[in-house]
C-alpha cells in the first residue's frame, strides 16, 4: 500500500510599517537645518554634517529599504536617491574642511557639484510627475525640490549665483515645513485610521 504524503506549504507575510513618516521626517530635519545656514541664520556646516549623515542620509535610506519590502518602487527610489544625495553632500563638506587632506581641498571645482545638482534636477523632474500620482503635499514637496536643485545648479555654475543661492535657501525651508506636515500626516492618519491631517487627492490617477 502506497502512502501518499501531502506537502503543505505556508506563506509567511511580514508586515512592514509605512516608512514615509520617518523618511519625510529625515528630509524635514536636514532641510530645516541646512536652510538655516543658507539663509545666514546660522554659520558654517559643522553641525549640519551629522544631521546630513544620520537624518538626511540614513533615515531616508531606511525608508527606502522599507519601501522596497512593500514593493513601492517610487518611494524606494525617491528616498534612496535623496538619502545617498545627502551622504554625498556630507562628504563634500568634509573635503572642504580638509578632512581628506589639503590636496583634495585645493582641487575642489564647484562645477562638478553643479553637474551633480543638474543630474538631480533632471531626476526630480520625472519623479515630480510620479509624485502627482500620490497626493498634493508630496507633489508640492517635489516641485520645491525641483526649485532647490535649480537654484543650487545656478549657484554652482555661477549663473546669477546670489539669486540661485537665495532661491535654493527659501525652497529648502519650504521643503522642511511641508515635509514636517507630510510626516505628521503619515503618522496620525494611519494611527487614528482617519484623516487627521489632509494631504489632498492625487493629481493624476494611476491605473
N, C-alpha and C. Protein backbone atom coordinates (compact mmCIF):
# COMPACT_ATOMS: atom_id res chain seq x y z
N UNK A 1 0.86 -1.17 0.00
CA UNK A 1 0.00 0.00 0.00
C UNK A 1 0.90 1.23 0.00
N UNK A 2 0.56 2.08 -0.93
CA UNK A 2 1.40 3.27 -1.11
C UNK A 2 0.85 4.42 -0.29
N UNK A 3 1.69 4.96 0.51
CA UNK A 3 1.25 6.10 1.33
C UNK A 3 1.66 7.39 0.63
N UNK A 4 0.63 8.19 0.43
CA UNK A 4 0.90 9.47 -0.25
C UNK A 4 1.01 10.56 0.80
N UNK A 5 2.12 11.21 0.80
CA UNK A 5 2.33 12.29 1.76
C UNK A 5 2.00 13.63 1.10
N UNK A 6 1.15 14.31 1.75
CA UNK A 6 0.74 15.62 1.27
C UNK A 6 1.67 16.69 1.85
N UNK A 7 2.24 17.45 0.96
CA UNK A 7 3.13 18.53 1.41
C UNK A 7 2.33 19.82 1.54
N UNK A 8 2.42 20.39 2.66
CA UNK A 8 1.72 21.65 2.90
C UNK A 8 2.72 22.80 2.88
N UNK A 9 2.35 23.82 2.17
CA UNK A 9 3.23 25.00 2.12
C UNK A 9 2.57 26.16 2.85
N UNK A 10 3.36 26.87 3.57
CA UNK A 10 2.87 28.02 4.31
C UNK A 10 3.50 29.29 3.77
N UNK A 11 2.69 30.29 3.66
CA UNK A 11 3.17 31.59 3.22
C UNK A 11 3.27 32.52 4.42
N UNK A 12 4.45 32.99 4.66
CA UNK A 12 4.67 33.90 5.79
C UNK A 12 4.68 35.33 5.28
N UNK A 13 3.79 36.12 5.81
CA UNK A 13 3.68 37.52 5.40
C UNK A 13 4.26 38.40 6.50
N UNK A 14 5.25 39.17 6.14
CA UNK A 14 5.86 40.09 7.10
C UNK A 14 5.30 41.48 6.88
N UNK A 15 4.67 42.00 7.89
CA UNK A 15 4.07 43.33 7.78
C UNK A 15 5.12 44.40 8.09
N UNK A 16 5.20 45.38 7.21
CA UNK A 16 6.16 46.47 7.38
C UNK A 16 5.37 47.77 7.49
N UNK A 17 5.70 48.55 8.50
CA UNK A 17 5.01 49.84 8.68
C UNK A 17 5.36 50.79 7.54
N UNK A 18 4.44 51.69 7.23
CA UNK A 18 4.66 52.69 6.19
C UNK A 18 5.86 53.55 6.59
N UNK A 19 6.94 53.53 5.81
CA UNK A 19 8.16 54.26 6.18
C UNK A 19 8.16 55.73 5.77
N UNK A 20 7.06 56.19 5.17
CA UNK A 20 7.01 57.57 4.68
C UNK A 20 7.24 58.58 5.80
N UNK A 21 6.70 58.29 6.98
CA UNK A 21 6.79 59.24 8.09
C UNK A 21 8.24 59.49 8.50
N UNK A 22 9.01 58.42 8.69
CA UNK A 22 10.41 58.60 9.11
C UNK A 22 11.24 59.17 7.96
N UNK A 23 10.92 58.78 6.72
CA UNK A 23 11.65 59.33 5.58
C UNK A 23 11.43 60.82 5.43
N UNK A 24 10.17 61.25 5.53
CA UNK A 24 9.85 62.67 5.43
C UNK A 24 10.38 63.45 6.63
N UNK A 25 10.40 62.82 7.80
CA UNK A 25 10.97 63.49 8.97
C UNK A 25 12.45 63.75 8.76
N UNK A 26 13.17 62.75 8.25
CA UNK A 26 14.59 62.94 7.97
C UNK A 26 14.82 64.05 6.97
N UNK A 27 13.98 64.09 5.93
CA UNK A 27 14.09 65.15 4.92
C UNK A 27 13.79 66.51 5.54
N UNK A 28 12.76 66.55 6.39
CA UNK A 28 12.38 67.81 7.03
C UNK A 28 13.51 68.36 7.90
N UNK A 29 14.11 67.50 8.69
CA UNK A 29 15.16 67.95 9.61
C UNK A 29 16.39 68.46 8.88
N UNK A 30 16.83 67.71 7.87
CA UNK A 30 18.07 68.12 7.20
C UNK A 30 17.86 69.40 6.39
N UNK A 31 16.70 69.55 5.77
CA UNK A 31 16.46 70.77 5.00
C UNK A 31 16.23 71.97 5.92
N UNK A 32 15.65 71.74 7.09
CA UNK A 32 15.47 72.83 8.05
C UNK A 32 16.81 73.37 8.52
N UNK A 33 17.68 72.47 8.94
CA UNK A 33 18.99 72.89 9.47
C UNK A 33 19.86 73.47 8.35
N UNK A 34 19.85 72.81 7.17
CA UNK A 34 20.67 73.29 6.05
C UNK A 34 20.19 74.66 5.56
N UNK A 35 18.88 74.87 5.54
CA UNK A 35 18.35 76.16 5.07
C UNK A 35 18.72 77.29 6.03
N UNK A 36 18.86 76.96 7.32
CA UNK A 36 19.25 78.00 8.29
C UNK A 36 20.64 78.54 7.97
N UNK A 37 21.50 77.67 7.44
CA UNK A 37 22.85 78.11 7.06
C UNK A 37 22.80 78.91 5.76
N UNK A 38 22.00 78.46 4.81
CA UNK A 38 21.89 79.18 3.53
C UNK A 38 21.30 80.57 3.71
N UNK A 39 20.37 80.69 4.66
CA UNK A 39 19.70 81.97 4.90
C UNK A 39 20.52 82.89 5.80
N UNK A 40 21.66 82.40 6.29
CA UNK A 40 22.52 83.22 7.13
C UNK A 40 22.09 83.30 8.58
N UNK A 41 21.12 82.47 8.97
CA UNK A 41 20.67 82.45 10.37
C UNK A 41 21.73 81.77 11.23
N UNK A 42 22.36 80.74 10.66
CA UNK A 42 23.48 80.06 11.32
C UNK A 42 24.69 80.14 10.40
N UNK A 43 25.84 79.75 10.91
CA UNK A 43 27.06 79.84 10.10
C UNK A 43 27.76 78.49 10.01
N UNK A 44 28.45 78.29 8.88
CA UNK A 44 29.22 77.07 8.62
C UNK A 44 28.32 75.83 8.64
N UNK A 45 28.91 74.67 8.42
CA UNK A 45 28.11 73.45 8.32
C UNK A 45 28.63 72.33 9.25
N UNK A 46 29.42 72.70 10.25
CA UNK A 46 29.96 71.68 11.15
C UNK A 46 28.87 70.86 11.81
N UNK A 47 27.83 71.53 12.30
CA UNK A 47 26.74 70.81 12.96
C UNK A 47 25.66 70.37 11.99
N UNK A 48 25.75 70.82 10.74
CA UNK A 48 24.82 70.32 9.73
C UNK A 48 25.27 68.92 9.29
N UNK A 49 26.57 68.66 9.39
CA UNK A 49 27.13 67.38 8.95
C UNK A 49 26.44 66.16 9.57
N UNK A 50 26.35 66.05 10.91
CA UNK A 50 25.71 64.87 11.47
C UNK A 50 24.23 64.76 11.09
N UNK A 51 23.58 65.91 10.94
CA UNK A 51 22.17 65.89 10.53
C UNK A 51 22.07 65.36 9.10
N UNK A 52 23.00 65.79 8.24
CA UNK A 52 23.01 65.33 6.85
C UNK A 52 23.26 63.82 6.78
N UNK A 53 24.17 63.32 7.60
CA UNK A 53 24.53 61.90 7.55
C UNK A 53 23.42 61.02 8.11
N UNK A 54 22.95 61.36 9.32
CA UNK A 54 22.02 60.45 10.01
C UNK A 54 20.56 60.67 9.64
N UNK A 55 20.14 61.92 9.46
CA UNK A 55 18.74 62.18 9.14
C UNK A 55 18.52 62.32 7.63
N UNK A 56 19.34 63.13 6.98
CA UNK A 56 19.22 63.26 5.54
C UNK A 56 19.59 61.99 4.82
N UNK A 57 20.64 61.31 5.31
CA UNK A 57 21.14 60.10 4.67
C UNK A 57 20.51 58.82 5.18
N UNK A 58 20.85 58.43 6.39
CA UNK A 58 20.46 57.11 6.90
C UNK A 58 18.97 56.95 7.12
N UNK A 59 18.30 58.00 7.61
CA UNK A 59 16.85 57.89 7.83
C UNK A 59 16.11 57.66 6.52
N UNK A 60 16.53 58.36 5.48
CA UNK A 60 15.87 58.19 4.19
C UNK A 60 16.24 56.85 3.54
N UNK A 61 17.46 56.38 3.79
CA UNK A 61 17.84 55.07 3.26
C UNK A 61 17.06 53.96 3.96
N UNK A 62 16.81 54.13 5.25
CA UNK A 62 15.98 53.18 5.98
C UNK A 62 14.58 53.14 5.37
N UNK A 63 14.04 54.33 5.08
CA UNK A 63 12.71 54.40 4.45
C UNK A 63 12.74 53.75 3.07
N UNK A 64 13.84 53.93 2.35
CA UNK A 64 13.97 53.34 1.02
C UNK A 64 13.95 51.81 1.09
N UNK A 65 14.74 51.25 2.00
CA UNK A 65 14.79 49.79 2.14
C UNK A 65 13.43 49.23 2.57
N UNK A 66 12.75 49.95 3.46
CA UNK A 66 11.44 49.51 3.92
C UNK A 66 10.41 49.57 2.80
N UNK A 67 10.48 50.64 2.00
CA UNK A 67 9.55 50.76 0.87
C UNK A 67 9.78 49.65 -0.16
N UNK A 68 11.02 49.22 -0.29
CA UNK A 68 11.30 48.12 -1.25
C UNK A 68 10.62 46.84 -0.79
N UNK A 69 10.50 46.63 0.52
CA UNK A 69 9.81 45.46 1.04
C UNK A 69 8.31 45.53 0.78
N UNK A 70 7.81 46.77 0.64
CA UNK A 70 6.40 46.98 0.34
C UNK A 70 6.13 46.99 -1.17
N UNK A 71 7.19 46.73 -1.94
CA UNK A 71 7.11 46.75 -3.40
C UNK A 71 6.70 48.13 -3.92
N UNK A 72 7.15 49.16 -3.20
CA UNK A 72 6.85 50.54 -3.60
C UNK A 72 8.08 51.10 -4.32
N UNK A 73 8.10 50.93 -5.63
CA UNK A 73 9.26 51.35 -6.42
C UNK A 73 9.48 52.85 -6.33
N UNK A 74 8.40 53.62 -6.41
CA UNK A 74 8.53 55.08 -6.37
C UNK A 74 9.13 55.55 -5.04
N UNK A 75 8.56 55.09 -3.94
CA UNK A 75 9.04 55.51 -2.61
C UNK A 75 10.46 55.05 -2.35
N UNK A 76 10.75 53.80 -2.72
CA UNK A 76 12.09 53.26 -2.51
C UNK A 76 13.13 54.04 -3.31
N UNK A 77 12.80 54.36 -4.56
CA UNK A 77 13.74 55.10 -5.41
C UNK A 77 13.94 56.52 -4.91
N UNK A 78 12.84 57.18 -4.55
CA UNK A 78 12.92 58.57 -4.09
C UNK A 78 13.74 58.69 -2.81
N UNK A 79 13.36 57.94 -1.78
CA UNK A 79 14.08 58.02 -0.50
C UNK A 79 15.53 57.57 -0.66
N UNK A 80 15.76 56.55 -1.48
CA UNK A 80 17.12 56.07 -1.69
C UNK A 80 17.99 57.10 -2.38
N UNK A 81 17.47 57.70 -3.45
CA UNK A 81 18.24 58.68 -4.22
C UNK A 81 18.59 59.90 -3.38
N UNK A 82 17.61 60.41 -2.62
CA UNK A 82 17.88 61.61 -1.82
C UNK A 82 18.69 61.28 -0.56
N UNK A 83 18.54 60.07 -0.06
CA UNK A 83 19.37 59.66 1.06
C UNK A 83 20.84 59.63 0.68
N UNK A 84 21.13 59.02 -0.47
CA UNK A 84 22.51 58.99 -0.95
C UNK A 84 23.01 60.39 -1.31
N UNK A 85 22.10 61.24 -1.78
CA UNK A 85 22.48 62.62 -2.10
C UNK A 85 23.06 63.31 -0.87
N UNK A 86 22.39 63.18 0.27
CA UNK A 86 22.86 63.87 1.47
C UNK A 86 24.17 63.28 1.99
N UNK A 87 24.40 62.00 1.76
CA UNK A 87 25.70 61.42 2.13
C UNK A 87 26.81 61.98 1.24
N UNK A 88 26.49 62.20 -0.05
CA UNK A 88 27.46 62.81 -0.96
C UNK A 88 27.75 64.25 -0.52
N UNK A 89 26.72 64.99 -0.17
CA UNK A 89 26.90 66.38 0.26
C UNK A 89 27.72 66.44 1.55
N UNK A 90 27.45 65.53 2.48
CA UNK A 90 28.23 65.48 3.72
C UNK A 90 29.70 65.21 3.41
N UNK A 91 29.97 64.31 2.47
CA UNK A 91 31.35 64.03 2.07
C UNK A 91 32.00 65.25 1.44
N UNK A 92 31.21 65.99 0.66
CA UNK A 92 31.70 67.23 0.04
C UNK A 92 32.14 68.23 1.10
N UNK A 93 31.32 68.37 2.14
CA UNK A 93 31.68 69.29 3.22
C UNK A 93 32.94 68.84 3.95
N UNK A 94 33.10 67.53 4.12
CA UNK A 94 34.31 67.01 4.77
C UNK A 94 35.55 67.35 3.95
N UNK A 95 35.41 67.27 2.62
CA UNK A 95 36.53 67.65 1.74
C UNK A 95 36.86 69.12 1.91
N UNK A 96 35.82 69.96 1.96
CA UNK A 96 36.03 71.41 2.12
C UNK A 96 36.72 71.74 3.43
N UNK A 97 36.45 70.96 4.47
CA UNK A 97 37.08 71.20 5.77
C UNK A 97 38.47 70.57 5.87
N UNK A 98 38.92 69.93 4.80
CA UNK A 98 40.27 69.38 4.79
C UNK A 98 40.43 68.06 5.49
N UNK A 99 39.30 67.39 5.76
CA UNK A 99 39.37 66.11 6.48
C UNK A 99 40.15 65.07 5.67
N UNK A 100 40.06 65.13 4.35
CA UNK A 100 40.76 64.19 3.48
C UNK A 100 42.07 64.75 2.95
N UNK A 101 42.54 65.82 3.57
CA UNK A 101 43.83 66.39 3.18
C UNK A 101 43.68 67.66 2.35
N UNK A 102 44.71 68.47 2.39
CA UNK A 102 44.69 69.74 1.65
C UNK A 102 44.72 69.56 0.14
N UNK A 103 45.30 68.46 -0.32
CA UNK A 103 45.37 68.22 -1.76
C UNK A 103 43.97 68.13 -2.37
N UNK A 104 43.08 67.38 -1.69
CA UNK A 104 41.70 67.27 -2.17
C UNK A 104 40.96 68.60 -1.99
N UNK A 105 41.21 69.25 -0.88
CA UNK A 105 40.56 70.54 -0.61
C UNK A 105 40.93 71.57 -1.67
N UNK A 106 42.19 71.62 -2.05
CA UNK A 106 42.65 72.61 -3.04
C UNK A 106 42.20 72.27 -4.46
N UNK A 107 41.79 71.03 -4.68
CA UNK A 107 41.40 70.60 -6.03
C UNK A 107 39.90 70.73 -6.28
N UNK A 108 39.18 71.35 -5.35
CA UNK A 108 37.72 71.48 -5.49
C UNK A 108 37.35 72.30 -6.72
N UNK A 109 36.42 71.79 -7.50
CA UNK A 109 35.86 72.51 -8.64
C UNK A 109 34.34 72.47 -8.47
N UNK A 110 33.74 73.59 -8.11
CA UNK A 110 32.31 73.64 -7.80
C UNK A 110 31.43 73.28 -8.99
N UNK A 111 31.98 73.37 -10.20
CA UNK A 111 31.18 73.00 -11.37
C UNK A 111 30.83 71.51 -11.34
N UNK A 112 31.69 70.71 -10.70
CA UNK A 112 31.39 69.29 -10.59
C UNK A 112 30.15 69.08 -9.71
N UNK A 113 30.03 69.86 -8.64
CA UNK A 113 28.81 69.81 -7.82
C UNK A 113 27.63 70.32 -8.63
N UNK A 114 27.90 71.31 -9.51
CA UNK A 114 26.85 71.82 -10.37
C UNK A 114 26.26 70.72 -11.25
N UNK A 115 27.11 69.85 -11.77
CA UNK A 115 26.63 68.74 -12.59
C UNK A 115 25.86 67.72 -11.74
N UNK A 116 26.28 67.56 -10.48
CA UNK A 116 25.53 66.70 -9.57
C UNK A 116 24.13 67.26 -9.36
N UNK A 117 24.04 68.56 -9.07
CA UNK A 117 22.74 69.20 -8.87
C UNK A 117 21.89 69.13 -10.13
N UNK A 118 22.52 69.33 -11.28
CA UNK A 118 21.81 69.27 -12.56
C UNK A 118 21.24 67.87 -12.79
N UNK A 119 22.05 66.86 -12.49
CA UNK A 119 21.58 65.48 -12.63
C UNK A 119 20.39 65.20 -11.73
N UNK A 120 20.47 65.70 -10.50
CA UNK A 120 19.35 65.51 -9.56
C UNK A 120 18.13 66.32 -9.97
N UNK A 121 18.35 67.46 -10.61
CA UNK A 121 17.21 68.24 -11.13
C UNK A 121 16.48 67.44 -12.20
N UNK A 122 17.23 66.85 -13.11
CA UNK A 122 16.62 66.02 -14.17
C UNK A 122 15.86 64.85 -13.55
N UNK A 123 16.49 64.19 -12.60
CA UNK A 123 15.86 63.06 -11.90
C UNK A 123 14.57 63.50 -11.20
N UNK A 124 14.63 64.65 -10.52
CA UNK A 124 13.48 65.11 -9.74
C UNK A 124 12.32 65.54 -10.62
N UNK A 125 12.62 66.02 -11.82
CA UNK A 125 11.54 66.44 -12.72
C UNK A 125 10.64 65.25 -13.06
N UNK A 126 11.23 64.10 -13.41
CA UNK A 126 10.35 62.97 -13.73
C UNK A 126 9.78 62.32 -12.47
N UNK A 127 10.48 62.47 -11.33
CA UNK A 127 9.91 61.98 -10.07
C UNK A 127 8.73 62.86 -9.63
N UNK A 128 8.75 64.13 -10.02
CA UNK A 128 7.64 65.03 -9.72
C UNK A 128 6.38 64.55 -10.43
N UNK A 129 6.55 64.09 -11.66
CA UNK A 129 5.42 63.52 -12.40
C UNK A 129 4.88 62.28 -11.66
N UNK A 130 5.79 61.49 -11.11
CA UNK A 130 5.37 60.33 -10.33
C UNK A 130 4.65 60.75 -9.06
N UNK A 131 5.13 61.83 -8.42
CA UNK A 131 4.52 62.31 -7.18
C UNK A 131 3.11 62.82 -7.41
N UNK A 132 2.82 63.23 -8.65
CA UNK A 132 1.46 63.69 -8.97
C UNK A 132 0.45 62.56 -8.82
N UNK A 133 0.92 61.33 -8.80
CA UNK A 133 0.05 60.18 -8.62
C UNK A 133 -0.09 59.76 -7.17
N UNK A 134 0.48 60.53 -6.25
CA UNK A 134 0.37 60.19 -4.83
C UNK A 134 -0.62 61.14 -4.14
N UNK A 135 -0.15 62.27 -3.64
CA UNK A 135 -1.05 63.27 -3.08
C UNK A 135 -0.44 64.66 -3.22
N UNK A 136 -1.24 65.68 -2.98
CA UNK A 136 -0.84 67.06 -3.28
C UNK A 136 0.33 67.54 -2.42
N UNK A 137 0.40 67.11 -1.16
CA UNK A 137 1.50 67.55 -0.30
C UNK A 137 2.83 67.02 -0.84
N UNK A 138 2.88 65.74 -1.18
CA UNK A 138 4.12 65.17 -1.70
C UNK A 138 4.47 65.78 -3.06
N UNK A 139 3.46 66.01 -3.90
CA UNK A 139 3.70 66.63 -5.19
C UNK A 139 4.33 68.02 -5.01
N UNK A 140 3.81 68.80 -4.07
CA UNK A 140 4.35 70.14 -3.82
C UNK A 140 5.78 70.07 -3.30
N UNK A 141 6.07 69.09 -2.46
CA UNK A 141 7.43 68.91 -1.96
C UNK A 141 8.38 68.66 -3.13
N UNK A 142 7.97 67.84 -4.08
CA UNK A 142 8.82 67.55 -5.23
C UNK A 142 9.01 68.77 -6.12
N UNK A 143 7.96 69.57 -6.28
CA UNK A 143 8.10 70.81 -7.06
C UNK A 143 9.14 71.72 -6.40
N UNK A 144 9.10 71.79 -5.08
CA UNK A 144 10.07 72.62 -4.35
C UNK A 144 11.48 72.04 -4.44
N UNK A 145 11.59 70.72 -4.49
CA UNK A 145 12.91 70.11 -4.67
C UNK A 145 13.46 70.46 -6.06
N UNK A 146 12.56 70.52 -7.05
CA UNK A 146 12.97 70.99 -8.39
C UNK A 146 13.58 72.39 -8.30
N UNK A 147 12.89 73.27 -7.58
CA UNK A 147 13.35 74.65 -7.42
C UNK A 147 14.68 74.68 -6.67
N UNK A 148 14.81 73.84 -5.65
CA UNK A 148 16.05 73.76 -4.87
C UNK A 148 17.22 73.40 -5.76
N UNK A 149 17.08 72.35 -6.56
CA UNK A 149 18.19 71.93 -7.42
C UNK A 149 18.46 72.92 -8.54
N UNK A 150 17.43 73.61 -8.99
CA UNK A 150 17.64 74.66 -9.98
C UNK A 150 18.50 75.77 -9.39
N UNK A 151 18.16 76.20 -8.17
CA UNK A 151 18.94 77.25 -7.50
C UNK A 151 20.37 76.82 -7.21
N UNK A 152 20.54 75.58 -6.75
CA UNK A 152 21.88 75.07 -6.46
C UNK A 152 22.72 74.97 -7.74
N UNK A 153 22.08 74.54 -8.82
CA UNK A 153 22.79 74.45 -10.10
C UNK A 153 23.24 75.82 -10.57
N UNK A 154 22.34 76.80 -10.49
CA UNK A 154 22.68 78.17 -10.90
C UNK A 154 23.84 78.71 -10.10
N UNK A 155 23.79 78.50 -8.79
CA UNK A 155 24.85 78.99 -7.90
C UNK A 155 26.19 78.33 -8.21
N UNK A 156 26.18 77.02 -8.42
CA UNK A 156 27.42 76.28 -8.67
C UNK A 156 28.03 76.60 -10.02
N UNK A 157 27.18 76.88 -11.02
CA UNK A 157 27.67 77.23 -12.35
C UNK A 157 27.91 78.74 -12.50
N UNK A 158 27.73 79.46 -11.39
CA UNK A 158 27.95 80.91 -11.37
C UNK A 158 27.01 81.65 -12.34
N UNK A 159 25.78 81.16 -12.44
CA UNK A 159 24.75 81.82 -13.23
C UNK A 159 23.80 82.52 -12.25
N UNK A 160 23.88 83.85 -12.19
CA UNK A 160 23.14 84.60 -11.17
C UNK A 160 23.28 83.91 -9.81
N UNK A 161 24.51 83.77 -9.33
CA UNK A 161 24.76 82.95 -8.14
C UNK A 161 24.02 83.41 -6.88
N UNK A 162 23.92 84.70 -6.66
CA UNK A 162 23.22 85.19 -5.47
C UNK A 162 21.73 84.85 -5.52
N UNK A 163 21.14 85.07 -6.70
CA UNK A 163 19.72 84.73 -6.87
C UNK A 163 19.51 83.23 -6.71
N UNK A 164 20.39 82.43 -7.32
CA UNK A 164 20.29 80.98 -7.22
C UNK A 164 20.41 80.50 -5.78
N UNK A 165 21.33 81.10 -5.04
CA UNK A 165 21.53 80.73 -3.63
C UNK A 165 20.28 81.05 -2.81
N UNK A 166 19.73 82.25 -3.01
CA UNK A 166 18.53 82.66 -2.27
C UNK A 166 17.33 81.79 -2.65
N UNK A 167 17.20 81.49 -3.93
CA UNK A 167 16.13 80.62 -4.40
C UNK A 167 16.21 79.26 -3.73
N UNK A 168 17.42 78.70 -3.68
CA UNK A 168 17.63 77.40 -3.06
C UNK A 168 17.32 77.44 -1.56
N UNK A 169 17.72 78.52 -0.91
CA UNK A 169 17.53 78.64 0.54
C UNK A 169 16.06 78.63 0.92
N UNK A 170 15.25 79.44 0.24
CA UNK A 170 13.83 79.51 0.58
C UNK A 170 13.07 78.26 0.15
N UNK A 171 13.48 77.67 -0.97
CA UNK A 171 12.86 76.41 -1.40
C UNK A 171 13.13 75.32 -0.36
N UNK A 172 14.35 75.31 0.16
CA UNK A 172 14.74 74.31 1.16
C UNK A 172 13.94 74.47 2.45
N UNK A 173 13.72 75.71 2.85
CA UNK A 173 12.94 75.97 4.05
C UNK A 173 11.50 75.51 3.87
N UNK A 174 10.93 75.79 2.72
CA UNK A 174 9.55 75.36 2.45
C UNK A 174 9.44 73.84 2.37
N UNK A 175 10.49 73.20 1.83
CA UNK A 175 10.52 71.73 1.81
C UNK A 175 10.45 71.19 3.23
N UNK A 176 11.20 71.81 4.14
CA UNK A 176 11.21 71.37 5.53
C UNK A 176 9.82 71.48 6.15
N UNK A 177 9.17 72.63 5.95
CA UNK A 177 7.84 72.85 6.54
C UNK A 177 6.83 71.83 6.03
N UNK A 178 6.80 71.64 4.72
CA UNK A 178 5.84 70.70 4.13
C UNK A 178 6.17 69.25 4.48
N UNK A 179 7.46 68.94 4.62
CA UNK A 179 7.85 67.57 4.98
C UNK A 179 7.47 67.25 6.42
N UNK A 180 7.57 68.23 7.32
CA UNK A 180 7.08 68.02 8.68
C UNK A 180 5.58 67.70 8.66
N UNK A 181 4.85 68.47 7.87
CA UNK A 181 3.40 68.24 7.75
C UNK A 181 3.12 66.85 7.17
N UNK A 182 3.84 66.50 6.10
CA UNK A 182 3.64 65.20 5.47
C UNK A 182 3.98 64.06 6.41
N UNK A 183 5.03 64.24 7.20
CA UNK A 183 5.42 63.21 8.17
C UNK A 183 4.35 63.05 9.24
N UNK A 184 3.85 64.18 9.74
CA UNK A 184 2.79 64.14 10.75
C UNK A 184 1.53 63.48 10.21
N UNK A 185 1.19 63.79 8.95
CA UNK A 185 0.01 63.20 8.33
C UNK A 185 0.17 61.68 8.19
N UNK A 186 1.36 61.24 7.80
CA UNK A 186 1.62 59.81 7.63
C UNK A 186 1.43 59.05 8.94
N UNK A 187 1.87 59.66 10.04
CA UNK A 187 1.74 59.01 11.35
C UNK A 187 0.30 59.05 11.85
N UNK A 188 -0.27 60.25 11.91
CA UNK A 188 -1.57 60.42 12.57
C UNK A 188 -2.72 59.82 11.77
N UNK A 189 -2.68 59.94 10.46
CA UNK A 189 -3.78 59.38 9.65
C UNK A 189 -3.84 57.86 9.76
N UNK A 190 -2.67 57.24 9.82
CA UNK A 190 -2.63 55.77 9.97
C UNK A 190 -2.95 55.39 11.42
N UNK A 191 -2.40 56.14 12.37
CA UNK A 191 -2.58 55.83 13.79
C UNK A 191 -4.06 55.87 14.19
N UNK A 192 -4.78 56.87 13.71
CA UNK A 192 -6.20 57.02 14.06
C UNK A 192 -7.15 56.44 13.02
N UNK A 193 -6.57 55.92 11.92
CA UNK A 193 -7.36 55.31 10.86
C UNK A 193 -8.43 56.27 10.32
N UNK A 194 -8.08 57.52 10.25
CA UNK A 194 -8.96 58.54 9.67
C UNK A 194 -8.09 59.74 9.28
N UNK A 195 -8.66 60.66 8.55
CA UNK A 195 -7.90 61.82 8.09
C UNK A 195 -7.81 62.86 9.20
N UNK A 196 -6.64 62.93 9.82
CA UNK A 196 -6.39 63.96 10.83
C UNK A 196 -5.78 65.18 10.16
N UNK A 197 -4.80 64.93 9.29
CA UNK A 197 -4.16 65.99 8.51
C UNK A 197 -4.36 65.66 7.04
N UNK A 198 -5.21 66.41 6.34
CA UNK A 198 -5.46 66.11 4.92
C UNK A 198 -4.24 66.39 4.06
N UNK A 199 -4.02 65.54 3.08
CA UNK A 199 -2.88 65.70 2.17
C UNK A 199 -3.30 65.97 0.73
N UNK A 200 -4.60 65.88 0.46
CA UNK A 200 -5.10 66.17 -0.88
C UNK A 200 -5.02 64.96 -1.79
N UNK A 201 -5.97 64.89 -2.68
CA UNK A 201 -6.03 63.75 -3.60
C UNK A 201 -4.94 63.84 -4.66
N UNK A 202 -4.68 62.71 -5.29
CA UNK A 202 -3.68 62.68 -6.37
C UNK A 202 -4.13 63.53 -7.54
N UNK A 203 -3.17 64.16 -8.20
CA UNK A 203 -3.48 64.98 -9.37
C UNK A 203 -3.67 64.11 -10.61
N UNK A 204 -2.98 62.97 -10.63
CA UNK A 204 -3.09 62.04 -11.74
C UNK A 204 -3.48 60.67 -11.20
N UNK A 205 -4.52 60.09 -11.77
CA UNK A 205 -4.94 58.77 -11.34
C UNK A 205 -4.05 57.70 -11.92
N UNK A 206 -3.66 56.76 -11.08
CA UNK A 206 -2.85 55.63 -11.53
C UNK A 206 -3.72 54.47 -11.92
N UNK A 207 -3.29 53.74 -12.94
CA UNK A 207 -4.09 52.60 -13.41
C UNK A 207 -3.98 51.41 -12.50
